[in-house]
Amino acid sequence: MTEKTEEIKKDEPILPIDEPEEDKESLGETAKTIVIAVLLALLVRTFLYEPFNIPSTSMVPNLLVGDYLFISKYSYGYSRYSFPFGIGGFDGRLMAHEPERGDVAVFKLPTDTRVDYIKRVVGLPGDTIQVINGRLYINDEIVPREAVGMAQYDKEIAGSEKVMEYVETLPGGVKHTIYEESDNEPLDNTEKYTVPEGHYFMMGDNRDNSRDSRVLDLVGYVPFDNLEGRAEVLFFSTNGSARLYEVWKWPWSIRYNRVFEKIGNGESLKVK
């Protein structure tokens, strides 16, 4: 009894095995789902909400390093900087709404629009702004502040800083907390600034550790077009005690009390 074997001739091509029709359909559906999900994410990011994280201490005590927040893109309308990668390609704003004094806003740095900053709106178009001996003056009127007491915060790299905590009341009644190391730091005595039309004056809540509109050659007056949105709510916050691979430490690194805290429209996380 002899066994028959099948041999493939050298010149005979090997034909591919056709994939089942249902596999092709499932791959197509998966690709379609991914495309739709990406498009929806881009639409939400462009027109509704965009996430940002806080990398510096310039807004303590209200925003901490490790906070993650959403900004509302619709609050001020839409400019070219509202679109991913700055592809808007137009000047001005669509559906424009001017910010209110006390808003916490994310904006493109006027001297380098690749960089995003977050500060508080303290000066509106036409206002005069000046800091004298650590006190903020708006339109030649001193801005009231009330001492709360000594506080301490963790610095960005290492160590901690002792500060005086105040509650400041901006014109219009918005209250928010600020930190001051002293009233005699480099940015505690400034020239008088006059905010141009179509621009805003931004300051950090950590007054002695914030490079903001007081530094004209870096930030200066922020054009309305550069505003990306108003900070609204924290959706996550970590104290940085757990590295990415230290999964077992994650539950103890999350600041649960800060999740879903509101920020925008002049509200302060510190002052209730």
C-alpha atoms as a PDB file:
ATOM      1  CA  MET A   1       0.000   0.000   0.000  1.00  0.00           C
ATOM      2  CA  THR A   2       1.549   3.246  -1.010  1.00  0.00           C
ATOM      3  CA  GLU A   3       0.893   6.686   0.452  1.00  0.00           C
ATOM      4  CA  LYS A   4       0.014   9.506  -1.879  1.00  0.00           C
ATOM      5  CA  THR A   5       1.605  12.848  -1.209  1.00  0.00           C
ATOM      6  CA  GLU A   6       0.642  16.206  -2.609  1.00  0.00           C
ATOM      7  CA  GLU A   7       3.515  18.301  -3.937  1.00  0.00           C
ATOM      8  CA  ILE A   8       3.413  21.935  -4.933  1.00  0.00           C
ATOM      9  CA  LYS A   9       5.057  22.612  -8.213  1.00  0.00           C
ATOM     10  CA  LYS A  10       7.704  25.305  -8.216  1.00  0.00           C
ATOM     11  CA  ASP A  11       5.942  27.479 -10.775  1.00  0.00           C
ATOM     12  CA  GLU A  12       2.472  27.065  -9.263  1.00  0.00           C
ATOM     13  CA  PRO A  13       1.413  30.094  -7.209  1.00  0.00           C
ATOM     14  CA  ILE A  14       0.079  29.698  -3.697  1.00  0.00           C
ATOM     15  CA  LEU A  15      -3.327  31.351  -3.497  1.00  0.00           C
ATOM     16  CA  PRO A  16      -4.268  33.210  -0.289  1.00  0.00           C
ATOM     17  CA  ILE A  17      -7.062  31.803   1.786  1.00  0.00           C
ATOM     18  CA  ASP A  18     -10.014  34.180   1.693  1.00  0.00           C
ATOM     19  CA  GLU A  19     -10.999  35.675   5.048  1.00  0.00           C
ATOM     20  CA  PRO A  20     -14.546  34.887   6.109  1.00  0.00           C
ATOM     21  CA  GLU A  21     -16.944  37.660   5.154  1.00  0.00           C
ATOM     22  CA  GLU A  22     -17.994  38.187   8.768  1.00  0.00           C
ATOM     23  CA  ASP A  23     -14.358  38.890   9.785  1.00  0.00           C
ATOM     24  CA  LYS A  24     -14.072  41.591   7.115  1.00  0.00           C
ATOM     25  CA  GLU A  25     -17.310  43.166   8.326  1.00  0.00           C
ATOM     26  CA  SER A  26     -16.203  43.142  11.985  1.00  0.00           C
ATOM     27  CA  LEU A  27     -12.879  44.794  11.063  1.00  0.00           C
ATOM     28  CA  GLY A  28     -14.732  47.452   9.092  1.00  0.00           C
ATOM     29  CA  GLU A  29     -17.121  48.110  11.976  1.00  0.00           C
ATOM     30  CA  THR A  30     -14.199  48.413  14.411  1.00  0.00           C
ATOM     31  CA  ALA A  31     -12.410  50.890  12.144  1.00  0.00           C
ATOM     32  CA  LYS A  32     -15.621  52.889  11.731  1.00  0.00           C
ATOM     33  CA  THR A  33     -16.151  52.972  15.513  1.00  0.00           C
ATOM     34  CA  ILE A  34     -12.588  54.206  16.083  1.00  0.00           C
ATOM     35  CA  VAL A  35     -12.972  56.971  13.477  1.00  0.00           C
ATOM     36  CA  ILE A  36     -16.288  58.096  14.976  1.00  0.00           C
ATOM     37  CA  ALA A  37     -14.813  58.085  18.497  1.00  0.00           C
ATOM     38  CA  VAL A  38     -11.835  60.193  17.377  1.00  0.00           C
ATOM     39  CA  LEU A  39     -14.095  62.668  15.578  1.00  0.00           C
ATOM     40  CA  LEU A  40     -16.382  62.984  18.608  1.00  0.00           C
ATOM     41  CA  ALA A  41     -13.381  63.536  20.893  1.00  0.00           C
ATOM     42  CA  LEU A  42     -12.073  66.264  18.574  1.00  0.00           C
ATOM     43  CA  LEU A  43     -15.499  67.925  18.463  1.00  0.00           C
ATOM     44  CA  VAL A  44     -15.808  67.884  22.267  1.00  0.00           C
ATOM     45  CA  ARG A  45     -12.237  69.162  22.680  1.00  0.00           C
ATOM     46  CA  THR A  46     -12.764  71.941  20.152  1.00  0.00           C
ATOM     47  CA  PHE A  47     -16.236  73.190  21.006  1.00  0.00           C
ATOM     48  CA  LEU A  48     -17.086  72.055  24.543  1.00  0.00           C
ATOM     49  CA  TYR A  49     -14.408  70.996  27.023  1.00  0.00           C
ATOM     50  CA  GLU A  50     -10.649  70.491  26.951  1.00  0.00           C
ATOM     51  CA  PRO A  51      -8.525  68.930  29.706  1.00  0.00           C
ATOM     52  CA  PHE A  52      -5.429  70.565  31.182  1.00  0.00           C
ATOM     53  CA  ASN A  53      -3.139  69.779  34.097  1.00  0.00           C
ATOM     54  CA  ILE A  54      -1.415  72.131  36.528  1.00  0.00           C
ATOM     55  CA  PRO A  55       2.413  71.876  36.424  1.00  0.00           C
ATOM     56  CA  SER A  56       3.371  74.866  38.636  1.00  0.00           C
ATOM     57  CA  THR A  57       2.534  76.554  41.950  1.00  0.00           C
ATOM     58  CA  SER A  58       1.588  79.934  40.461  1.00  0.00           C
ATOM     59  CA  MET A  59      -2.105  79.446  41.294  1.00  0.00           C
ATOM     60  CA  VAL A  60      -1.867  77.960  44.796  1.00  0.00           C
ATOM     61  CA  PRO A  61      -3.783  77.721  47.036  1.00  0.00           C
ATOM     62  CA  ASN A  62      -6.655  77.364  44.567  1.00  0.00           C
ATOM     63  CA  LEU A  63      -4.950  75.158  41.980  1.00  0.00           C
ATOM     64  CA  LEU A  64      -2.258  72.694  43.003  1.00  0.00           C
ATOM     65  CA  VAL A  65       0.449  70.889  41.095  1.00  0.00           C
ATOM     66  CA  GLY A  66      -1.130  67.615  40.002  1.00  0.00           C
ATOM     67  CA  ASP A  67      -4.627  69.014  39.499  1.00  0.00           C
ATOM     68  CA  TYR A  68      -6.395  68.054  36.270  1.00  0.00           C
ATOM     69  CA  LEU A  69      -9.212  70.275  35.080  1.00  0.00           C
ATOM     70  CA  PHE A  70     -11.634  70.946  32.270  1.00  0.00           C
ATOM     71  CA  ILE A  71     -11.982  74.333  30.629  1.00  0.00           C
ATOM     72  CA  SER A  72     -15.170  75.330  28.821  1.00  0.00           C
ATOM     73  CA  LYS A  73     -14.334  76.313  25.248  1.00  0.00           C
ATOM     74  CA  TYR A  74     -17.712  77.995  24.636  1.00  0.00           C
ATOM     75  CA  SER A  75     -17.462  80.465  27.555  1.00  0.00           C
ATOM     76  CA  TYR A  76     -15.566  83.086  25.546  1.00  0.00           C
ATOM     77  CA  GLY A  77     -16.470  81.937  22.040  1.00  0.00           C
ATOM     78  CA  TYR A  78     -14.028  80.515  19.526  1.00  0.00           C
ATOM     79  CA  SER A  79     -10.790  81.833  18.080  1.00  0.00           C
ATOM     80  CA  ARG A  80      -8.107  80.168  15.982  1.00  0.00           C
ATOM     81  CA  TYR A  81      -6.582  78.883  19.249  1.00  0.00           C
ATOM     82  CA  SER A  82      -9.765  76.981  20.044  1.00  0.00           C
ATOM     83  CA  PHE A  83      -8.892  74.457  17.367  1.00  0.00           C
ATOM     84  CA  PRO A  84      -6.378  71.607  17.728  1.00  0.00           C
ATOM     85  CA  PHE A  85      -2.851  72.504  16.634  1.00  0.00           C
ATOM     86  CA  GLY A  86      -3.944  76.109  15.976  1.00  0.00           C
ATOM     87  CA  ILE A  87      -5.508  75.222  12.628  1.00  0.00           C
ATOM     88  CA  GLY A  88      -8.341  77.762  12.945  1.00  0.00           C
ATOM     89  CA  GLY A  89      -6.719  80.120  10.481  1.00  0.00           C
ATOM     90  CA  PHE A  90      -8.816  83.208  11.215  1.00  0.00           C
ATOM     91  CA  ASP A  91      -8.608  86.351  13.333  1.00  0.00           C
ATOM     92  CA  GLY A  92     -11.130  87.464  15.943  1.00  0.00           C
ATOM     93  CA  ARG A  93     -13.668  85.353  17.810  1.00  0.00           C
ATOM     94  CA  LEU A  94     -16.882  83.655  16.821  1.00  0.00           C
ATOM     95  CA  MET A  95     -19.792  83.770  19.302  1.00  0.00           C
ATOM     96  CA  ALA A  96     -17.638  85.978  21.511  1.00  0.00           C
ATOM     97  CA  HIS A  97     -18.389  86.451  25.226  1.00  0.00           C
ATOM     98  CA  GLU A  98     -16.041  88.650  27.224  1.00  0.00           C
ATOM     99  CA  PRO A  99     -14.524  87.216  30.408  1.00  0.00           C
ATOM    100  CA  GLU A 100     -15.549  88.518  33.798  1.00  0.00           C
ATOM    101  CA  ARG A 101     -13.182  89.819  36.426  1.00  0.00           C
ATOM    102  CA  GLY A 102     -12.217  86.935  38.676  1.00  0.00           C
ATOM    103  CA  ASP A 103     -12.440  84.214  36.020  1.00  0.00           C
ATOM    104  CA  VAL A 104      -9.653  81.640  35.983  1.00  0.00           C
ATOM    105  CA  ALA A 105      -8.717  81.296  32.326  1.00  0.00           C
ATOM    106  CA  VAL A 106      -6.325  79.305  30.152  1.00  0.00           C
ATOM    107  CA  PHE A 107      -4.648  81.294  27.394  1.00  0.00           C
ATOM    108  CA  LYS A 108      -1.894  81.092  24.829  1.00  0.00           C
ATOM    109  CA  LEU A 109       1.210  82.921  25.973  1.00  0.00           C
ATOM    110  CA  PRO A 110       1.409  86.090  23.831  1.00  0.00           C
ATOM    111  CA  THR A 111       5.174  85.755  23.369  1.00  0.00           C
ATOM    112  CA  ASP A 112       5.010  82.050  22.469  1.00  0.00           C
ATOM    113  CA  THR A 113       1.631  80.680  21.445  1.00  0.00           C
ATOM    114  CA  ARG A 114       2.883  77.113  21.742  1.00  0.00           C
ATOM    115  CA  VAL A 115       2.689  77.536  25.520  1.00  0.00           C
ATOM    116  CA  ASP A 116      -0.495  77.485  27.628  1.00  0.00           C
ATOM    117  CA  TYR A 117      -0.803  79.544  30.823  1.00  0.00           C
ATOM    118  CA  ILE A 118      -3.538  79.632  33.458  1.00  0.00           C
ATOM    119  CA  LYS A 119      -4.133  82.770  35.561  1.00  0.00           C
ATOM    120  CA  ARG A 120      -6.933  84.852  37.040  1.00  0.00           C
ATOM    121  CA  VAL A 121      -8.471  87.779  35.161  1.00  0.00           C
ATOM    122  CA  VAL A 122      -7.967  90.893  37.318  1.00  0.00           C
ATOM    123  CA  GLY A 123      -7.867  93.667  34.715  1.00  0.00           C
ATOM    124  CA  LEU A 124     -10.399  94.404  31.988  1.00  0.00           C
ATOM    125  CA  PRO A 125      -9.894  96.559  28.873  1.00  0.00           C
ATOM    126  CA  GLY A 126      -9.309 100.197  29.861  1.00  0.00           C
ATOM    127  CA  ASP A 127      -8.440  99.416  33.507  1.00  0.00           C
ATOM    128  CA  THR A 128      -5.316 100.680  35.210  1.00  0.00           C
ATOM    129  CA  ILE A 129      -3.471  98.106  37.306  1.00  0.00           C
ATOM    130  CA  GLN A 130      -0.662  98.657  39.770  1.00  0.00           C
ATOM    131  CA  VAL A 131       0.909  96.837  42.705  1.00  0.00           C
ATOM    132  CA  ILE A 132       2.280  99.012  45.516  1.00  0.00           C
ATOM    133  CA  ASN A 133       3.899  97.397  48.555  1.00  0.00           C
ATOM    134  CA  GLY A 134       2.201  94.120  47.724  1.00  0.00           C
ATOM    135  CA  ARG A 135      -1.284  95.639  47.449  1.00  0.00           C
ATOM    136  CA  LEU A 136      -3.244  95.456  44.215  1.00  0.00           C
ATOM    137  CA  TYR A 137      -4.755  98.689  42.896  1.00  0.00           C
ATOM    138  CA  ILE A 138      -7.397  98.668  40.148  1.00  0.00           C
ATOM    139  CA  ASN A 139      -8.308 102.043  38.668  1.00  0.00           C
ATOM    140  CA  ASP A 140      -6.386 103.718  41.512  1.00  0.00           C
ATOM    141  CA  GLU A 141      -8.535 101.989  44.156  1.00  0.00           C
ATOM    142  CA  ILE A 142      -6.899  99.566  46.570  1.00  0.00           C
ATOM    143  CA  VAL A 143      -8.338  96.054  46.386  1.00  0.00           C
ATOM    144  CA  PRO A 144      -9.465  94.945  49.862  1.00  0.00           C
ATOM    145  CA  ARG A 145      -7.855  91.904  51.388  1.00  0.00           C
ATOM    146  CA  GLU A 146      -8.415  90.173  54.721  1.00  0.00           C
ATOM    147  CA  ALA A 147      -5.672  88.232  56.489  1.00  0.00           C
ATOM    148  CA  VAL A 148      -6.505  84.604  57.227  1.00  0.00           C
ATOM    149  CA  GLY A 149      -3.215  83.544  58.811  1.00  0.00           C
ATOM    150  CA  MET A 150       0.047  81.803  58.061  1.00  0.00           C
ATOM    151  CA  ALA A 151       0.037  78.897  55.624  1.00  0.00           C
ATOM    152  CA  GLN A 152       2.542  76.600  53.973  1.00  0.00           C
ATOM    153  CA  TYR A 153       2.665  74.929  50.560  1.00  0.00           C
ATOM    154  CA  ASP A 154       4.932  72.419  48.845  1.00  0.00           C
ATOM    155  CA  LYS A 155       7.197  73.898  46.200  1.00  0.00           C
ATOM    156  CA  GLU A 156       7.426  72.420  42.722  1.00  0.00           C
ATOM    157  CA  ILE A 157      10.813  70.733  43.074  1.00  0.00           C
ATOM    158  CA  ALA A 158      11.566  70.295  46.770  1.00  0.00           C
ATOM    159  CA  GLY A 159      10.908  71.859  50.129  1.00  0.00           C
ATOM    160  CA  SER A 160       8.078  74.070  51.282  1.00  0.00           C
ATOM    161  CA  GLU A 161       7.335  77.786  51.582  1.00  0.00           C
ATOM    162  CA  LYS A 162       5.681  79.709  54.416  1.00  0.00           C
ATOM    163  CA  VAL A 163       3.276  82.419  53.295  1.00  0.00           C
ATOM    164  CA  MET A 164       0.538  84.696  54.539  1.00  0.00           C
ATOM    165  CA  GLU A 165      -2.917  83.776  53.306  1.00  0.00           C
ATOM    166  CA  TYR A 166      -5.419  86.500  52.420  1.00  0.00           C
ATOM    167  CA  VAL A 167      -8.931  86.672  51.033  1.00  0.00           C
ATOM    168  CA  GLU A 168      -8.979  89.319  48.310  1.00  0.00           C
ATOM    169  CA  THR A 169     -12.209  90.922  47.063  1.00  0.00           C
ATOM    170  CA  LEU A 170     -12.068  92.142  43.477  1.00  0.00           C
ATOM    171  CA  PRO A 171     -14.310  94.936  42.147  1.00  0.00           C
ATOM    172  CA  GLY A 172     -17.691  93.337  41.521  1.00  0.00           C
ATOM    173  CA  GLY A 173     -17.496  91.236  44.665  1.00  0.00           C
ATOM    174  CA  VAL A 174     -15.530  88.152  43.571  1.00  0.00           C
ATOM    175  CA  LYS A 175     -13.617  86.767  46.552  1.00  0.00           C
ATOM    176  CA  HIS A 176     -10.625  84.510  46.169  1.00  0.00           C
ATOM    177  CA  THR A 177      -7.643  83.421  48.212  1.00  0.00           C
ATOM    178  CA  ILE A 178      -4.096  84.595  47.551  1.00  0.00           C
ATOM    179  CA  TYR A 179      -0.689  83.765  49.023  1.00  0.00           C
ATOM    180  CA  GLU A 180       2.002  86.341  49.784  1.00  0.00           C
ATOM    181  CA  GLU A 181       5.522  85.569  50.988  1.00  0.00           C
ATOM    182  CA  SER A 182       5.842  89.237  51.905  1.00  0.00           C
ATOM    183  CA  ASP A 183       4.870  92.638  50.537  1.00  0.00           C
ATOM    184  CA  ASN A 184       8.411  93.436  49.450  1.00  0.00           C
ATOM    185  CA  GLU A 185       9.165  90.910  46.720  1.00  0.00           C
ATOM    186  CA  PRO A 186      10.305  91.819  43.156  1.00  0.00           C
ATOM    187  CA  LEU A 187       6.760  92.059  41.726  1.00  0.00           C
ATOM    188  CA  ASP A 188       5.267  93.799  44.773  1.00  0.00           C
ATOM    189  CA  ASN A 189       6.036  97.281  43.411  1.00  0.00           C
ATOM    190  CA  THR A 190       5.248  97.838  39.754  1.00  0.00           C
ATOM    191  CA  GLU A 191       4.606 100.571  37.258  1.00  0.00           C
ATOM    192  CA  LYS A 192       1.030 101.566  36.493  1.00  0.00           C
ATOM    193  CA  TYR A 193      -0.303  99.435  33.644  1.00  0.00           C
ATOM    194  CA  THR A 194      -3.126 100.548  31.356  1.00  0.00           C
ATOM    195  CA  VAL A 195      -4.893  97.567  29.791  1.00  0.00           C
ATOM    196  CA  PRO A 196      -5.392  98.118  26.034  1.00  0.00           C
ATOM    197  CA  GLU A 197      -8.736  97.549  24.369  1.00  0.00           C
ATOM    198  CA  GLY A 198      -9.266  93.933  23.464  1.00  0.00           C
ATOM    199  CA  HIS A 199      -6.762  92.754  26.116  1.00  0.00           C
ATOM    200  CA  TYR A 200      -6.812  91.460  29.693  1.00  0.00           C
ATOM    201  CA  PHE A 201      -4.507  91.624  32.696  1.00  0.00           C
ATOM    202  CA  MET A 202      -3.839  88.238  34.281  1.00  0.00           C
ATOM    203  CA  MET A 203      -2.324  87.451  37.689  1.00  0.00           C
ATOM    204  CA  GLY A 204      -1.550  84.291  39.621  1.00  0.00           C
ATOM    205  CA  ASP A 205      -3.036  83.697  43.069  1.00  0.00           C
ATOM    206  CA  ASN A 206       0.443  82.881  44.412  1.00  0.00           C
ATOM    207  CA  ARG A 207       1.442  86.498  43.995  1.00  0.00           C
ATOM    208  CA  ASP A 208       5.166  86.242  44.696  1.00  0.00           C
ATOM    209  CA  ASN A 209       5.668  83.119  42.598  1.00  0.00           C
ATOM    210  CA  SER A 210       3.789  83.899  39.405  1.00  0.00           C
ATOM    211  CA  ARG A 211       5.105  85.193  36.115  1.00  0.00           C
ATOM    212  CA  ASP A 212       2.030  86.937  34.811  1.00  0.00           C
ATOM    213  CA  SER A 213       0.938  90.182  33.143  1.00  0.00           C
ATOM    214  CA  ARG A 214       3.190  92.149  35.483  1.00  0.00           C
ATOM    215  CA  VAL A 215       6.088  90.734  33.448  1.00  0.00           C
ATOM    216  CA  LEU A 216       5.548  92.614  30.187  1.00  0.00           C
ATOM    217  CA  ASP A 217       8.334  90.972  28.189  1.00  0.00           C
ATOM    218  CA  LEU A 218       6.997  87.469  28.907  1.00  0.00           C
ATOM    219  CA  VAL A 219       3.233  87.667  29.417  1.00  0.00           C
ATOM    220  CA  GLY A 220       2.055  91.274  29.416  1.00  0.00           C
ATOM    221  CA  TYR A 221      -1.441  92.124  28.209  1.00  0.00           C
ATOM    222  CA  VAL A 222      -3.280  89.053  26.934  1.00  0.00           C
ATOM    223  CA  PRO A 223      -5.273  89.526  23.704  1.00  0.00           C
ATOM    224  CA  PHE A 224      -8.878  88.354  23.759  1.00  0.00           C
ATOM    225  CA  ASP A 225      -8.093  86.022  20.844  1.00  0.00           C
ATOM    226  CA  ASN A 226      -5.509  84.186  22.970  1.00  0.00           C
ATOM    227  CA  LEU A 227      -8.055  83.047  25.560  1.00  0.00           C
ATOM    228  CA  GLU A 228      -8.769  79.336  25.148  1.00  0.00           C
ATOM    229  CA  GLY A 229     -11.462  78.917  27.787  1.00  0.00           C
ATOM    230  CA  ARG A 230     -12.565  79.295  31.380  1.00  0.00           C
ATOM    231  CA  ALA A 231     -11.454  76.793  34.017  1.00  0.00           C
ATOM    232  CA  GLU A 232     -14.568  75.045  35.286  1.00  0.00           C
ATOM    233  CA  VAL A 233     -14.021  71.913  37.346  1.00  0.00           C
ATOM    234  CA  LEU A 234     -11.333  69.532  38.580  1.00  0.00           C
ATOM    235  CA  PHE A 235     -11.797  65.972  37.358  1.00  0.00           C
ATOM    236  CA  PHE A 236      -8.675  64.458  38.967  1.00  0.00           C
ATOM    237  CA  SER A 237      -5.908  65.418  41.361  1.00  0.00           C
ATOM    238  CA  THR A 238      -2.775  63.625  42.519  1.00  0.00           C
ATOM    239  CA  ASN A 239      -0.184  64.644  45.091  1.00  0.00           C
ATOM    240  CA  GLY A 240       2.604  63.051  43.059  1.00  0.00           C
ATOM    241  CA  SER A 241       3.571  60.498  45.710  1.00  0.00           C
ATOM    242  CA  ALA A 242       3.022  57.567  43.325  1.00  0.00           C
ATOM    243  CA  ARG A 243       4.898  57.083  40.087  1.00  0.00           C
ATOM    244  CA  LEU A 244       3.134  55.731  37.018  1.00  0.00           C
ATOM    245  CA  TYR A 245       4.346  52.159  37.558  1.00  0.00           C
ATOM    246  CA  GLU A 246       3.618  52.174  41.316  1.00  0.00           C
ATOM    247  CA  VAL A 247       0.056  50.978  40.900  1.00  0.00           C
ATOM    248  CA  TRP A 248      -0.159  49.837  44.517  1.00  0.00           C
ATOM    249  CA  LYS A 249       0.328  53.449  45.692  1.00  0.00           C
ATOM    250  CA  TRP A 250      -2.264  55.044  43.429  1.00  0.00           C
ATOM    251  CA  PRO A 251      -5.196  54.925  45.898  1.00  0.00           C
ATOM    252  CA  TRP A 252      -3.206  56.954  48.452  1.00  0.00           C
ATOM    253  CA  SER A 253      -1.890  59.515  45.967  1.00  0.00           C
ATOM    254  CA  ILE A 254      -5.299  60.765  44.808  1.00  0.00           C
ATOM    255  CA  ARG A 255      -6.664  63.924  46.435  1.00  0.00           C
ATOM    256  CA  TYR A 256     -10.237  62.674  46.608  1.00  0.00           C
ATOM    257  CA  ASN A 257     -11.506  65.868  48.256  1.00  0.00           C
ATOM    258  CA  ARG A 258     -10.561  67.917  45.187  1.00  0.00           C
ATOM    259  CA  VAL A 259     -12.228  65.785  42.527  1.00  0.00           C
ATOM    260  CA  PHE A 260     -15.249  67.545  40.959  1.00  0.00           C
ATOM    261  CA  GLU A 261     -14.482  70.837  42.749  1.00  0.00           C
ATOM    262  CA  LYS A 262     -15.657  73.872  40.761  1.00  0.00           C
ATOM    263  CA  ILE A 263     -13.214  76.571  39.652  1.00  0.00           C
ATOM    264  CA  GLY A 264     -14.662  78.869  37.027  1.00  0.00           C
ATOM    265  CA  ASN A 265     -16.677  82.048  36.922  1.00  0.00           C
ATOM    266  CA  GLY A 266     -14.778  83.640  39.759  1.00  0.00           C
ATOM    267  CA  GLU A 267     -15.318  80.810  42.223  1.00  0.00           C
ATOM    268  CA  SER A 268     -12.427  79.925  44.486  1.00  0.00           C
ATOM    269  CA  LEU A 269     -11.655  76.437  45.731  1.00  0.00           C
ATOM    270  CA  LYS A 270     -10.303  77.852  48.965  1.00  0.00           C
ATOM    271  CA  VAL A 271     -13.040  80.338  49.832  1.00  0.00           C
ATOM    272  CA  LYS A 272     -16.508  78.855  50.315  1.00  0.00           C
END
